[in-house]
Amino acid sequence: MVQREGVRQVQKWGVQERTPFEWMTYVTEEVGETAKAISEHEYRGGMQSTVVKEAIQAATLLLKIAEMYILPIPYNKKR
């Protein structure tokens, strides 16, 4: 699921070169959207699929951060 979302994001946005701090901003947004989806599901009959979608998007972005510290990329020289 995460791999498929990663491909979808690249198709939608292209390959993006961001700093870990920039990615963390996006992650924080997605975690907030996940929290909202969980709240909607628990208390207002929101869709379970929305929780899953948001969680996968957050996980995909977190994986991008992890990959920055594993894979050789030019803007991550402090390893």
Protein backbone atom coordinates (compact mmCIF):
# COMPACT_ATOMS: atom_id res chain seq x y z
CA MET A 1 0.00 0.00 0.00
CA VAL A 2 2.78 2.43 0.91
CA GLN A 3 4.75 1.62 -2.24
CA ARG A 4 1.66 2.20 -4.38
CA GLU A 5 1.06 5.54 -2.63
CA GLY A 6 4.68 6.53 -3.22
CA VAL A 7 4.26 5.89 -6.94
CA ARG A 8 1.01 7.86 -6.95
CA GLN A 9 2.69 10.82 -5.24
CA VAL A 10 5.55 10.85 -7.75
CA GLN A 11 3.06 10.71 -10.62
CA LYS A 12 1.09 13.58 -9.11
CA TRP A 13 3.92 15.84 -7.87
CA GLY A 14 7.01 14.57 -9.67
CA VAL A 15 10.24 13.74 -7.86
CA GLN A 16 10.61 16.25 -5.05
CA GLU A 17 13.84 17.17 -3.34
CA ARG A 18 13.00 18.47 0.12
CA THR A 19 14.92 18.74 3.35
CA PRO A 20 13.98 16.50 6.27
CA PHE A 21 12.41 19.54 7.96
CA GLU A 22 10.25 20.23 4.90
CA TRP A 23 9.14 16.59 4.74
CA MET A 24 8.35 16.71 8.46
CA THR A 25 6.01 19.63 7.82
CA TYR A 26 4.12 17.52 5.30
CA VAL A 27 4.12 14.55 7.68
CA THR A 28 2.66 16.70 10.45
CA GLU A 29 -0.13 17.79 8.14
CA GLU A 30 -0.89 14.18 7.17
CA VAL A 31 -0.84 13.02 10.80
CA GLY A 32 -3.33 15.78 11.60
CA GLU A 33 -5.54 14.63 8.74
CA THR A 34 -5.26 11.07 10.05
CA ALA A 35 -6.29 12.22 13.52
CA LYS A 36 -9.26 14.06 12.05
CA ALA A 37 -10.28 10.99 10.03
CA ILE A 38 -10.08 8.80 13.15
CA SER A 39 -12.16 11.28 15.11
CA GLU A 40 -14.74 11.48 12.32
CA HIS A 41 -14.88 7.68 12.17
CA GLU A 42 -15.21 7.23 15.92
CA TYR A 43 -17.71 9.97 16.68
CA ARG A 44 -19.51 10.94 13.48
CA GLY A 45 -19.74 7.81 11.39
CA GLY A 46 -16.88 8.76 9.10
CA MET A 47 -15.52 6.25 6.65
CA GLN A 48 -12.93 3.70 7.69
CA SER A 49 -11.38 3.98 4.25
CA THR A 50 -10.55 7.63 4.92
CA VAL A 51 -8.57 6.64 8.02
CA VAL A 52 -6.66 4.05 6.01
CA LYS A 53 -5.98 6.50 3.16
CA GLU A 54 -4.65 9.21 5.47
CA ALA A 55 -2.53 6.77 7.49
CA ILE A 56 -0.95 5.41 4.30
CA GLN A 57 -0.16 8.93 3.09
CA ALA A 58 1.52 9.74 6.43
CA ALA A 59 3.47 6.47 6.36
CA THR A 60 4.65 7.14 2.82
CA LEU A 61 6.03 10.53 3.78
CA LEU A 62 7.74 9.10 6.86
CA LEU A 63 9.36 6.49 4.66
CA LYS A 64 10.70 9.26 2.41
CA ILE A 65 12.42 10.77 5.45
CA ALA A 66 13.93 7.41 6.41
CA GLU A 67 15.18 6.89 2.87
CA MET A 68 16.93 10.27 2.96
CA TYR A 69 19.16 8.95 5.72
CA ILE A 70 19.75 5.58 4.05
CA LEU A 71 20.16 6.41 0.37
CA PRO A 72 22.99 8.59 -0.94
CA ILE A 73 21.47 11.95 -1.83
CA PRO A 74 23.30 15.27 -2.27
CA TYR A 75 21.45 17.36 0.32
CA ASN A 76 21.98 14.93 3.21
CA LYS A 77 25.70 15.12 3.86
CA LYS A 78 25.62 14.85 7.67
CA ARG A 79 25.43 11.09 8.17
